[in-house]
């Protein structure tokens, strides 16, 4: 059972916790009373002598909310909050590594930004104009990964808007042919099993394909990626079915897994894949919410259950 969850603040002025409440599923709801127009970080620990960053938040509301989905797997949990400078602030979940935190910032659908040690990493940036505001305030790219050539994952125009002259772009061959001449200058083509070391991290291309029903993603046309950053292995599925190579992925710490029919997987397929390769944390993404359980992130979380100790993080992709 969870022990008492005291508030540990770094200052006597705002931010202040106005609620730290276990939910029925034993996750913990955190609510901060904080002045608008500023940034805030919530730290968490099981040992008050050693703290880790949990999430960085900002916004126009005086009440900031976050749900700690790791709490059910911990006997005791302590929290503290700190006000931050708003300058160059990247909001999102923190993933601790031996070489600094990776901050996960969802953009839209399958588009994701990772901040790490002042570097900006974009995965599958697309140019859906409806969600263009999700890119505002984020830095230019140091590294861009593209999984395949479909328009909800690849936009040469968006890459051009995000890249610097020395931005590295990692792609499968099907995407390389759609890059501009300038973009190809710093592009690296990876095929399954291939890897490269850039910016102090390792990128490995892994399988991503359909093997049943309509084949929207033939074998070899798309990549998934595993990034190894400071000892943490972070997997991005791109578009894939529940194929043997995915179920056999070794030592994944954090997984971003697609659910979208008929193009990728049902929630049940995703559940079966995750129960096979057992990441420590999983983010369902590339889904469309609705009443159907076939691509519903909340259904996926419930179906996966808690017996394996896998933390499911439901974040705002839409």
C-alpha atoms as a PDB file:
ATOM      1  CA  UNK A   1       0.000   0.000   0.000  1.00  0.00           C
ATOM      2  CA  UNK A   2       1.029   3.595  -0.491  1.00  0.00           C
ATOM      3  CA  UNK A   3       2.251   5.355   2.608  1.00  0.00           C
ATOM      4  CA  UNK A   4       1.387   8.965   3.441  1.00  0.00           C
ATOM      5  CA  UNK A   5       2.404  11.346   0.683  1.00  0.00           C
ATOM      6  CA  UNK A   6       3.755  14.515   2.285  1.00  0.00           C
ATOM      7  CA  UNK A   7       4.387  17.702   0.330  1.00  0.00           C
ATOM      8  CA  UNK A   8       8.051  18.685   0.153  1.00  0.00           C
ATOM      9  CA  UNK A   9       8.527  22.226  -1.178  1.00  0.00           C
ATOM     10  CA  UNK A  10      11.752  23.949  -2.077  1.00  0.00           C
ATOM     11  CA  UNK A  11      10.408  27.331  -0.953  1.00  0.00           C
ATOM     12  CA  UNK A  12       7.705  28.765   1.287  1.00  0.00           C
ATOM     13  CA  UNK A  13       6.212  30.793  -1.576  1.00  0.00           C
ATOM     14  CA  UNK A  14       4.177  29.382  -4.478  1.00  0.00           C
ATOM     15  CA  UNK A  15       4.058  26.864  -6.023  1.00  0.00           C
ATOM     16  CA  UNK A  16       2.149  24.945  -3.370  1.00  0.00           C
ATOM     17  CA  UNK A  17       0.390  21.622  -3.510  1.00  0.00           C
ATOM     18  CA  UNK A  18      -3.303  21.976  -2.853  1.00  0.00           C
ATOM     19  CA  UNK A  19      -3.979  18.296  -3.462  1.00  0.00           C
ATOM     20  CA  UNK A  20      -1.992  15.060  -3.337  1.00  0.00           C
ATOM     21  CA  UNK A  21      -4.647  12.386  -3.589  1.00  0.00           C
ATOM     22  CA  UNK A  22      -4.464   8.636  -4.349  1.00  0.00           C
ATOM     23  CA  UNK A  23      -7.030   7.622  -6.975  1.00  0.00           C
ATOM     24  CA  UNK A  24      -9.012   4.399  -7.050  1.00  0.00           C
ATOM     25  CA  UNK A  25      -6.363   2.788  -9.270  1.00  0.00           C
ATOM     26  CA  UNK A  26      -3.667   3.894  -6.766  1.00  0.00           C
ATOM     27  CA  UNK A  27      -2.213   6.482  -9.094  1.00  0.00           C
ATOM     28  CA  UNK A  28      -1.750   9.875  -7.434  1.00  0.00           C
ATOM     29  CA  UNK A  29      -3.379  13.127  -8.513  1.00  0.00           C
ATOM     30  CA  UNK A  30      -1.141  16.151  -7.956  1.00  0.00           C
ATOM     31  CA  UNK A  31      -2.549  19.678  -8.069  1.00  0.00           C
ATOM     32  CA  UNK A  32      -0.414  22.796  -7.794  1.00  0.00           C
ATOM     33  CA  UNK A  33      -1.577  26.282  -6.948  1.00  0.00           C
ATOM     34  CA  UNK A  34       0.882  28.393  -8.924  1.00  0.00           C
ATOM     35  CA  UNK A  35       1.082  31.886 -10.463  1.00  0.00           C
ATOM     36  CA  UNK A  36       0.423  32.040 -14.196  1.00  0.00           C
ATOM     37  CA  UNK A  37       3.092  32.706 -16.794  1.00  0.00           C
ATOM     38  CA  UNK A  38       5.790  30.691 -15.075  1.00  0.00           C
ATOM     39  CA  UNK A  39       7.268  27.217 -15.242  1.00  0.00           C
ATOM     40  CA  UNK A  40       7.236  24.575 -12.529  1.00  0.00           C
ATOM     41  CA  UNK A  41       8.887  21.238 -11.943  1.00  0.00           C
ATOM     42  CA  UNK A  42       7.550  18.478  -9.720  1.00  0.00           C
ATOM     43  CA  UNK A  43      10.137  16.104  -8.285  1.00  0.00           C
ATOM     44  CA  UNK A  44       9.416  12.707  -6.745  1.00  0.00           C
ATOM     45  CA  UNK A  45      11.259  10.134  -4.682  1.00  0.00           C
ATOM     46  CA  UNK A  46      10.959   7.154  -2.402  1.00  0.00           C
ATOM     47  CA  UNK A  47      13.966   8.439  -0.429  1.00  0.00           C
ATOM     48  CA  UNK A  48      13.978  12.149   0.545  1.00  0.00           C
ATOM     49  CA  UNK A  49      17.779  12.180   0.260  1.00  0.00           C
ATOM     50  CA  UNK A  50      17.630  11.423  -3.491  1.00  0.00           C
ATOM     51  CA  UNK A  51      15.180  13.242  -5.754  1.00  0.00           C
ATOM     52  CA  UNK A  52      14.335  12.776  -9.459  1.00  0.00           C
ATOM     53  CA  UNK A  53      12.440  15.153 -11.704  1.00  0.00           C
ATOM     54  CA  UNK A  54       8.956  13.896 -12.539  1.00  0.00           C
ATOM     55  CA  UNK A  55       7.416  16.522 -14.833  1.00  0.00           C
ATOM     56  CA  UNK A  56       7.852  20.132 -15.946  1.00  0.00           C
ATOM     57  CA  UNK A  57       4.651  22.147 -16.356  1.00  0.00           C
ATOM     58  CA  UNK A  58       3.558  25.570 -17.449  1.00  0.00           C
ATOM     59  CA  UNK A  59       0.357  27.201 -18.609  1.00  0.00           C
ATOM     60  CA  UNK A  60      -2.243  29.878 -18.116  1.00  0.00           C
ATOM     61  CA  UNK A  61      -4.054  28.177 -15.273  1.00  0.00           C
ATOM     62  CA  UNK A  62      -3.420  28.924 -11.624  1.00  0.00           C
ATOM     63  CA  UNK A  63      -4.137  25.244 -10.913  1.00  0.00           C
ATOM     64  CA  UNK A  64      -1.784  22.781 -12.608  1.00  0.00           C
ATOM     65  CA  UNK A  65      -2.648  19.077 -12.637  1.00  0.00           C
ATOM     66  CA  UNK A  66      -0.548  15.956 -13.103  1.00  0.00           C
ATOM     67  CA  UNK A  67      -1.224  12.263 -12.491  1.00  0.00           C
ATOM     68  CA  UNK A  68       1.662  10.166 -11.217  1.00  0.00           C
ATOM     69  CA  UNK A  69       1.097   6.789 -12.867  1.00  0.00           C
ATOM     70  CA  UNK A  70       4.209   5.232 -11.270  1.00  0.00           C
ATOM     71  CA  UNK A  71       2.817   5.530  -7.729  1.00  0.00           C
ATOM     72  CA  UNK A  72       0.954   2.162  -7.710  1.00  0.00           C
ATOM     73  CA  UNK A  73       4.256   0.315  -8.025  1.00  0.00           C
ATOM     74  CA  UNK A  74       5.993   2.091  -5.134  1.00  0.00           C
ATOM     75  CA  UNK A  75       5.567   1.571  -1.408  1.00  0.00           C
ATOM     76  CA  UNK A  76       6.149   5.243  -0.562  1.00  0.00           C
ATOM     77  CA  UNK A  77       6.162   8.396  -2.643  1.00  0.00           C
ATOM     78  CA  UNK A  78       7.251  11.944  -1.737  1.00  0.00           C
ATOM     79  CA  UNK A  79       6.818  15.078  -3.832  1.00  0.00           C
ATOM     80  CA  UNK A  80       8.182  18.598  -3.983  1.00  0.00           C
ATOM     81  CA  UNK A  81       7.688  21.492  -6.410  1.00  0.00           C
ATOM     82  CA  UNK A  82       9.947  24.266  -7.659  1.00  0.00           C
ATOM     83  CA  UNK A  83       9.380  27.400  -9.707  1.00  0.00           C
ATOM     84  CA  UNK A  84      11.552  27.685 -12.834  1.00  0.00           C
ATOM     85  CA  UNK A  85      12.552  30.372 -15.264  1.00  0.00           C
ATOM     86  CA  UNK A  86      10.234  30.356 -18.264  1.00  0.00           C
ATOM     87  CA  UNK A  87      13.137  31.037 -20.660  1.00  0.00           C
ATOM     88  CA  UNK A  88      13.828  28.067 -22.974  1.00  0.00           C
ATOM     89  CA  UNK A  89      11.622  25.860 -20.823  1.00  0.00           C
ATOM     90  CA  UNK A  90      10.659  22.458 -22.250  1.00  0.00           C
ATOM     91  CA  UNK A  91       7.575  20.962 -20.635  1.00  0.00           C
ATOM     92  CA  UNK A  92       6.845  17.266 -20.295  1.00  0.00           C
ATOM     93  CA  UNK A  93       7.698  14.064 -18.452  1.00  0.00           C
ATOM     94  CA  UNK A  94      11.258  13.531 -17.280  1.00  0.00           C
ATOM     95  CA  UNK A  95      13.057  10.260 -17.970  1.00  0.00           C
ATOM     96  CA  UNK A  96      16.235  10.129 -15.864  1.00  0.00           C
ATOM     97  CA  UNK A  97      19.370   8.816 -17.559  1.00  0.00           C
ATOM     98  CA  UNK A  98      23.004   8.605 -16.498  1.00  0.00           C
ATOM     99  CA  UNK A  99      23.690  11.609 -18.767  1.00  0.00           C
ATOM    100  CA  UNK A 100      20.864  13.963 -17.871  1.00  0.00           C
ATOM    101  CA  UNK A 101      17.078  13.847 -18.099  1.00  0.00           C
ATOM    102  CA  UNK A 102      15.229  13.276 -21.355  1.00  0.00           C
ATOM    103  CA  UNK A 103      12.069  15.419 -21.406  1.00  0.00           C
ATOM    104  CA  UNK A 104       9.161  13.937 -23.385  1.00  0.00           C
ATOM    105  CA  UNK A 105       6.965  16.543 -25.073  1.00  0.00           C
ATOM    106  CA  UNK A 106       4.045  15.110 -27.131  1.00  0.00           C
ATOM    107  CA  UNK A 107       3.217  17.071 -30.271  1.00  0.00           C
ATOM    108  CA  UNK A 108       0.458  15.366 -32.264  1.00  0.00           C
ATOM    109  CA  UNK A 109      -0.505  11.815 -33.279  1.00  0.00           C
ATOM    110  CA  UNK A 110       2.945  10.271 -33.810  1.00  0.00           C
ATOM    111  CA  UNK A 111       4.951  13.489 -33.705  1.00  0.00           C
ATOM    112  CA  UNK A 112       7.106  13.788 -30.598  1.00  0.00           C
ATOM    113  CA  UNK A 113       9.807  16.107 -29.274  1.00  0.00           C
ATOM    114  CA  UNK A 114      12.557  15.026 -26.888  1.00  0.00           C
ATOM    115  CA  UNK A 115      14.705  17.550 -25.041  1.00  0.00           C
ATOM    116  CA  UNK A 116      18.046  16.329 -23.763  1.00  0.00           C
ATOM    117  CA  UNK A 117      20.977  18.374 -22.486  1.00  0.00           C
ATOM    118  CA  UNK A 118      20.073  21.381 -24.596  1.00  0.00           C
ATOM    119  CA  UNK A 119      19.537  19.290 -27.737  1.00  0.00           C
ATOM    120  CA  UNK A 120      16.265  19.015 -29.631  1.00  0.00           C
ATOM    121  CA  UNK A 121      15.187  15.662 -31.074  1.00  0.00           C
ATOM    122  CA  UNK A 122      12.076  15.395 -33.270  1.00  0.00           C
ATOM    123  CA  UNK A 123      10.447  12.100 -34.189  1.00  0.00           C
ATOM    124  CA  UNK A 124       8.095  12.067 -37.204  1.00  0.00           C
ATOM    125  CA  UNK A 125       7.345  15.808 -37.424  1.00  0.00           C
ATOM    126  CA  UNK A 126       4.458  16.417 -39.823  1.00  0.00           C
ATOM    127  CA  UNK A 127       2.800  19.554 -41.185  1.00  0.00           C
ATOM    128  CA  UNK A 128      -0.827  19.193 -40.069  1.00  0.00           C
ATOM    129  CA  UNK A 129      -1.641  22.894 -39.787  1.00  0.00           C
ATOM    130  CA  UNK A 130      -4.338  22.337 -37.164  1.00  0.00           C
ATOM    131  CA  UNK A 131      -1.664  21.330 -34.683  1.00  0.00           C
ATOM    132  CA  UNK A 132       1.034  23.770 -35.722  1.00  0.00           C
ATOM    133  CA  UNK A 133       0.728  25.589 -32.345  1.00  0.00           C
ATOM    134  CA  UNK A 134       2.122  22.487 -30.636  1.00  0.00           C
ATOM    135  CA  UNK A 135       5.537  23.373 -32.136  1.00  0.00           C
ATOM    136  CA  UNK A 136       5.550  26.945 -30.845  1.00  0.00           C
ATOM    137  CA  UNK A 137       8.294  27.737 -28.366  1.00  0.00           C
ATOM    138  CA  UNK A 138      10.298  24.611 -29.133  1.00  0.00           C
ATOM    139  CA  UNK A 139      13.905  24.850 -30.360  1.00  0.00           C
ATOM    140  CA  UNK A 140      15.235  23.974 -33.775  1.00  0.00           C
ATOM    141  CA  UNK A 141      16.184  20.351 -34.337  1.00  0.00           C
ATOM    142  CA  UNK A 142      19.601  18.878 -33.709  1.00  0.00           C
ATOM    143  CA  UNK A 143      18.318  15.436 -34.731  1.00  0.00           C
ATOM    144  CA  UNK A 144      15.241  14.362 -36.710  1.00  0.00           C
ATOM    145  CA  UNK A 145      14.068  10.753 -37.031  1.00  0.00           C
ATOM    146  CA  UNK A 146      11.475   9.772 -39.624  1.00  0.00           C
ATOM    147  CA  UNK A 147       9.966   6.287 -39.538  1.00  0.00           C
ATOM    148  CA  UNK A 148       8.329   6.170 -43.004  1.00  0.00           C
ATOM    149  CA  UNK A 149       6.983   8.188 -45.901  1.00  0.00           C
ATOM    150  CA  UNK A 150       3.281   8.497 -45.002  1.00  0.00           C
ATOM    151  CA  UNK A 151       2.139  12.098 -44.586  1.00  0.00           C
ATOM    152  CA  UNK A 152       1.260  11.811 -40.897  1.00  0.00           C
ATOM    153  CA  UNK A 153       4.926  10.945 -40.242  1.00  0.00           C
ATOM    154  CA  UNK A 154       6.951  12.690 -42.927  1.00  0.00           C
ATOM    155  CA  UNK A 155       6.942  16.229 -44.281  1.00  0.00           C
ATOM    156  CA  UNK A 156       9.956  17.601 -46.133  1.00  0.00           C
ATOM    157  CA  UNK A 157       8.526  21.080 -45.554  1.00  0.00           C
ATOM    158  CA  UNK A 158       8.303  20.605 -41.795  1.00  0.00           C
ATOM    159  CA  UNK A 159      11.838  19.213 -41.714  1.00  0.00           C
ATOM    160  CA  UNK A 160      13.004  22.312 -43.543  1.00  0.00           C
ATOM    161  CA  UNK A 161      11.249  24.555 -41.021  1.00  0.00           C
ATOM    162  CA  UNK A 162      12.835  22.717 -38.079  1.00  0.00           C
ATOM    163  CA  UNK A 163      16.346  21.984 -39.249  1.00  0.00           C
ATOM    164  CA  UNK A 164      19.587  23.871 -38.805  1.00  0.00           C
ATOM    165  CA  UNK A 165      22.344  23.626 -41.391  1.00  0.00           C
ATOM    166  CA  UNK A 166      23.963  20.810 -39.388  1.00  0.00           C
ATOM    167  CA  UNK A 167      20.797  18.971 -38.280  1.00  0.00           C
ATOM    168  CA  UNK A 168      21.172  15.204 -38.649  1.00  0.00           C
ATOM    169  CA  UNK A 169      18.230  13.422 -40.296  1.00  0.00           C
ATOM    170  CA  UNK A 170      17.833   9.638 -39.908  1.00  0.00           C
ATOM    171  CA  UNK A 171      15.457   7.907 -42.324  1.00  0.00           C
ATOM    172  CA  UNK A 172      14.667   4.706 -44.209  1.00  0.00           C
ATOM    173  CA  UNK A 173      15.397   4.661 -47.943  1.00  0.00           C
ATOM    174  CA  UNK A 174      11.734   5.347 -48.780  1.00  0.00           C
ATOM    175  CA  UNK A 175      11.967   8.707 -46.987  1.00  0.00           C
ATOM    176  CA  UNK A 176      15.448   9.598 -48.253  1.00  0.00           C
ATOM    177  CA  UNK A 177      14.165   9.808 -51.807  1.00  0.00           C
ATOM    178  CA  UNK A 178      11.645  12.463 -50.706  1.00  0.00           C
ATOM    179  CA  UNK A 179      14.182  14.736 -49.023  1.00  0.00           C
ATOM    180  CA  UNK A 180      15.473  17.890 -50.670  1.00  0.00           C
ATOM    181  CA  UNK A 181      19.058  18.004 -51.899  1.00  0.00           C
ATOM    182  CA  UNK A 182      20.072  20.152 -48.915  1.00  0.00           C
ATOM    183  CA  UNK A 183      18.386  17.777 -46.475  1.00  0.00           C
ATOM    184  CA  UNK A 184      20.118  14.760 -48.007  1.00  0.00           C
ATOM    185  CA  UNK A 185      23.492  16.349 -47.199  1.00  0.00           C
ATOM    186  CA  UNK A 186      23.107  15.472 -43.504  1.00  0.00           C
ATOM    187  CA  UNK A 187      20.833  12.426 -43.880  1.00  0.00           C
ATOM    188  CA  UNK A 188      21.702   8.916 -42.710  1.00  0.00           C
ATOM    189  CA  UNK A 189      19.801   5.939 -44.168  1.00  0.00           C
ATOM    190  CA  UNK A 190      19.273   3.009 -41.802  1.00  0.00           C
ATOM    191  CA  UNK A 191      17.805  -0.409 -42.510  1.00  0.00           C
ATOM    192  CA  UNK A 192      16.720  -3.061 -40.007  1.00  0.00           C
ATOM    193  CA  UNK A 193      19.535  -3.862 -37.604  1.00  0.00           C
ATOM    194  CA  UNK A 194      21.558  -0.837 -38.688  1.00  0.00           C
ATOM    195  CA  UNK A 195      22.686   1.707 -36.138  1.00  0.00           C
ATOM    196  CA  UNK A 196      24.603   4.948 -35.836  1.00  0.00           C
ATOM    197  CA  UNK A 197      26.044   7.037 -33.016  1.00  0.00           C
ATOM    198  CA  UNK A 198      25.257  10.748 -33.136  1.00  0.00           C
ATOM    199  CA  UNK A 199      25.309  13.543 -30.539  1.00  0.00           C
ATOM    200  CA  UNK A 200      26.342  11.125 -27.795  1.00  0.00           C
ATOM    201  CA  UNK A 201      23.423   8.754 -28.312  1.00  0.00           C
ATOM    202  CA  UNK A 202      22.851   5.593 -30.333  1.00  0.00           C
ATOM    203  CA  UNK A 203      20.042   5.155 -32.874  1.00  0.00           C
ATOM    204  CA  UNK A 204      19.124   1.642 -34.028  1.00  0.00           C
ATOM    205  CA  UNK A 205      16.586   0.842 -36.772  1.00  0.00           C
ATOM    206  CA  UNK A 206      14.184  -1.979 -35.915  1.00  0.00           C
ATOM    207  CA  UNK A 207      11.362  -3.701 -37.768  1.00  0.00           C
ATOM    208  CA  UNK A 208       8.103  -1.911 -38.532  1.00  0.00           C
ATOM    209  CA  UNK A 209       5.654  -3.607 -40.903  1.00  0.00           C
ATOM    210  CA  UNK A 210       2.256  -5.256 -41.294  1.00  0.00           C
ATOM    211  CA  UNK A 211       1.993  -9.008 -41.789  1.00  0.00           C
ATOM    212  CA  UNK A 212      -1.785  -9.484 -41.840  1.00  0.00           C
ATOM    213  CA  UNK A 213      -4.816  -7.885 -43.456  1.00  0.00           C
ATOM    214  CA  UNK A 214      -4.153  -5.038 -45.863  1.00  0.00           C
ATOM    215  CA  UNK A 215      -0.408  -4.428 -46.015  1.00  0.00           C
ATOM    216  CA  UNK A 216      -0.152  -0.677 -45.530  1.00  0.00           C
ATOM    217  CA  UNK A 217       3.492  -0.949 -44.445  1.00  0.00           C
ATOM    218  CA  UNK A 218       5.397  -3.621 -46.402  1.00  0.00           C
ATOM    219  CA  UNK A 219       8.465  -5.226 -44.898  1.00  0.00           C
ATOM    220  CA  UNK A 220      11.456  -2.909 -45.396  1.00  0.00           C
ATOM    221  CA  UNK A 221       9.496   0.258 -46.170  1.00  0.00           C
ATOM    222  CA  UNK A 222       9.473   1.665 -42.634  1.00  0.00           C
ATOM    223  CA  UNK A 223      11.631   1.775 -39.530  1.00  0.00           C
ATOM    224  CA  UNK A 224      10.992   1.741 -35.850  1.00  0.00           C
ATOM    225  CA  UNK A 225      13.815   3.224 -33.779  1.00  0.00           C
ATOM    226  CA  UNK A 226      15.495   2.458 -30.475  1.00  0.00           C
ATOM    227  CA  UNK A 227      17.419   5.387 -28.995  1.00  0.00           C
ATOM    228  CA  UNK A 228      19.958   4.602 -26.296  1.00  0.00           C
ATOM    229  CA  UNK A 229      20.527   7.709 -24.189  1.00  0.00           C
ATOM    230  CA  UNK A 230      22.535   7.526 -20.983  1.00  0.00           C
ATOM    231  CA  UNK A 231      21.800   3.832 -20.566  1.00  0.00           C
ATOM    232  CA  UNK A 232      18.050   4.152 -21.247  1.00  0.00           C
ATOM    233  CA  UNK A 233      16.611   2.399 -24.311  1.00  0.00           C
ATOM    234  CA  UNK A 234      13.677   4.359 -25.754  1.00  0.00           C
ATOM    235  CA  UNK A 235      11.615   2.729 -28.516  1.00  0.00           C
ATOM    236  CA  UNK A 236       9.454   4.497 -31.105  1.00  0.00           C
ATOM    237  CA  UNK A 237       7.293   2.090 -33.066  1.00  0.00           C
ATOM    238  CA  UNK A 238       6.270   4.301 -35.971  1.00  0.00           C
ATOM    239  CA  UNK A 239       3.620   2.252 -37.812  1.00  0.00           C
ATOM    240  CA  UNK A 240       3.802  -1.480 -37.264  1.00  0.00           C
ATOM    241  CA  UNK A 241       1.750  -4.541 -36.594  1.00  0.00           C
ATOM    242  CA  UNK A 242       2.207  -6.919 -33.684  1.00  0.00           C
ATOM    243  CA  UNK A 243       5.035  -8.744 -35.426  1.00  0.00           C
ATOM    244  CA  UNK A 244       7.574 -11.202 -33.931  1.00  0.00           C
ATOM    245  CA  UNK A 245      10.511  -8.792 -34.089  1.00  0.00           C
ATOM    246  CA  UNK A 246       8.626  -6.243 -31.956  1.00  0.00           C
ATOM    247  CA  UNK A 247       7.603  -8.816 -29.375  1.00  0.00           C
ATOM    248  CA  UNK A 248      11.267  -9.843 -29.123  1.00  0.00           C
ATOM    249  CA  UNK A 249      12.739  -6.367 -28.573  1.00  0.00           C
ATOM    250  CA  UNK A 250      15.302  -6.627 -25.754  1.00  0.00           C
ATOM    251  CA  UNK A 251      15.751  -4.394 -22.711  1.00  0.00           C
ATOM    252  CA  UNK A 252      13.349  -1.574 -23.625  1.00  0.00           C
ATOM    253  CA  UNK A 253      12.945   0.980 -20.851  1.00  0.00           C
ATOM    254  CA  UNK A 254      10.409   3.306 -22.499  1.00  0.00           C
ATOM    255  CA  UNK A 255       8.142   2.458 -25.452  1.00  0.00           C
ATOM    256  CA  UNK A 256       5.992   4.664 -27.683  1.00  0.00           C
ATOM    257  CA  UNK A 257       3.547   2.222 -29.265  1.00  0.00           C
ATOM    258  CA  UNK A 258       1.054   2.792 -32.086  1.00  0.00           C
ATOM    259  CA  UNK A 259      -2.629   1.829 -32.100  1.00  0.00           C
ATOM    260  CA  UNK A 260      -4.624   2.769 -35.189  1.00  0.00           C
ATOM    261  CA  UNK A 261      -6.794   0.464 -37.290  1.00  0.00           C
ATOM    262  CA  UNK A 262      -6.648  -0.667 -39.985  1.00  0.00           C
ATOM    263  CA  UNK A 263      -3.135   0.728 -40.397  1.00  0.00           C
ATOM    264  CA  UNK A 264      -1.268  -0.599 -37.343  1.00  0.00           C
ATOM    265  CA  UNK A 265      -2.563  -2.469 -34.269  1.00  0.00           C
ATOM    266  CA  UNK A 266      -5.670  -2.833 -32.188  1.00  0.00           C
ATOM    267  CA  UNK A 267      -5.395  -2.066 -28.483  1.00  0.00           C
ATOM    268  CA  UNK A 268      -5.448  -5.816 -27.840  1.00  0.00           C
ATOM    269  CA  UNK A 269      -2.575  -6.366 -30.277  1.00  0.00           C
ATOM    270  CA  UNK A 270      -0.636  -3.584 -28.559  1.00  0.00           C
ATOM    271  CA  UNK A 271      -1.344  -5.174 -25.175  1.00  0.00           C
ATOM    272  CA  UNK A 272       0.002  -8.521 -26.387  1.00  0.00           C
ATOM    273  CA  UNK A 273       3.142  -6.880 -27.803  1.00  0.00           C
ATOM    274  CA  UNK A 274       3.856  -4.961 -24.603  1.00  0.00           C
ATOM    275  CA  UNK A 275       3.323  -8.016 -22.417  1.00  0.00           C
ATOM    276  CA  UNK A 276       5.914  -9.786 -24.574  1.00  0.00           C
ATOM    277  CA  UNK A 277       8.757  -7.233 -24.607  1.00  0.00           C
ATOM    278  CA  UNK A 278       7.915  -5.653 -21.213  1.00  0.00           C
ATOM    279  CA  UNK A 279       9.091  -2.044 -21.236  1.00  0.00           C
ATOM    280  CA  UNK A 280       9.242  -0.269 -17.909  1.00  0.00           C
ATOM    281  CA  UNK A 281       7.093   2.616 -19.214  1.00  0.00           C
ATOM    282  CA  UNK A 282       4.785   2.700 -22.237  1.00  0.00           C
ATOM    283  CA  UNK A 283       3.162   5.640 -24.004  1.00  0.00           C
ATOM    284  CA  UNK A 284       0.300   4.652 -26.298  1.00  0.00           C
ATOM    285  CA  UNK A 285       0.320   7.038 -29.263  1.00  0.00           C
ATOM    286  CA  UNK A 286      -0.818   7.206 -32.893  1.00  0.00           C
ATOM    287  CA  UNK A 287      -4.426   6.456 -31.915  1.00  0.00           C
ATOM    288  CA  UNK A 288      -7.795   8.130 -32.362  1.00  0.00           C
ATOM    289  CA  UNK A 289      -9.922   8.285 -29.248  1.00  0.00           C
ATOM    290  CA  UNK A 290     -13.539   7.130 -29.501  1.00  0.00           C
ATOM    291  CA  UNK A 291     -16.020   4.671 -28.170  1.00  0.00           C
ATOM    292  CA  UNK A 292     -14.409   1.760 -30.019  1.00  0.00           C
ATOM    293  CA  UNK A 293     -12.014  -0.312 -27.923  1.00  0.00           C
ATOM    294  CA  UNK A 294      -9.962  -1.155 -31.006  1.00  0.00           C
ATOM    295  CA  UNK A 295      -7.861   2.019 -30.748  1.00  0.00           C
ATOM    296  CA  UNK A 296      -8.661   3.430 -27.339  1.00  0.00           C
ATOM    297  CA  UNK A 297      -5.701   4.293 -25.099  1.00  0.00           C
ATOM    298  CA  UNK A 298      -7.709   4.015 -21.871  1.00  0.00           C
ATOM    299  CA  UNK A 299      -8.902   0.556 -22.893  1.00  0.00           C
ATOM    300  CA  UNK A 300      -5.305  -0.436 -23.672  1.00  0.00           C
ATOM    301  CA  UNK A 301      -4.221   0.644 -20.194  1.00  0.00           C
ATOM    302  CA  UNK A 302      -7.004  -1.317 -18.528  1.00  0.00           C
ATOM    303  CA  UNK A 303      -6.404  -4.397 -20.669  1.00  0.00           C
ATOM    304  CA  UNK A 304      -2.665  -4.392 -19.969  1.00  0.00           C
ATOM    305  CA  UNK A 305      -3.304  -4.485 -16.238  1.00  0.00           C
ATOM    306  CA  UNK A 306      -0.770  -3.979 -13.470  1.00  0.00           C
ATOM    307  CA  UNK A 307       0.575  -7.479 -12.825  1.00  0.00           C
ATOM    308  CA  UNK A 308       3.787  -6.889 -14.807  1.00  0.00           C
ATOM    309  CA  UNK A 309       4.489  -3.522 -13.166  1.00  0.00           C
ATOM    310  CA  UNK A 310       4.489  -1.655 -16.500  1.00  0.00           C
ATOM    311  CA  UNK A 311       3.628   2.028 -16.092  1.00  0.00           C
ATOM    312  CA  UNK A 312       1.225   3.312 -18.766  1.00  0.00           C
ATOM    313  CA  UNK A 313       1.371   7.069 -19.362  1.00  0.00           C
ATOM    314  CA  UNK A 314      -1.648   8.577 -21.104  1.00  0.00           C
ATOM    315  CA  UNK A 315      -0.670  11.976 -22.489  1.00  0.00           C
ATOM    316  CA  UNK A 316      -2.247  14.604 -24.718  1.00  0.00           C
ATOM    317  CA  UNK A 317      -1.579  13.626 -28.341  1.00  0.00           C
ATOM    318  CA  UNK A 318      -4.823  15.136 -29.646  1.00  0.00           C
END
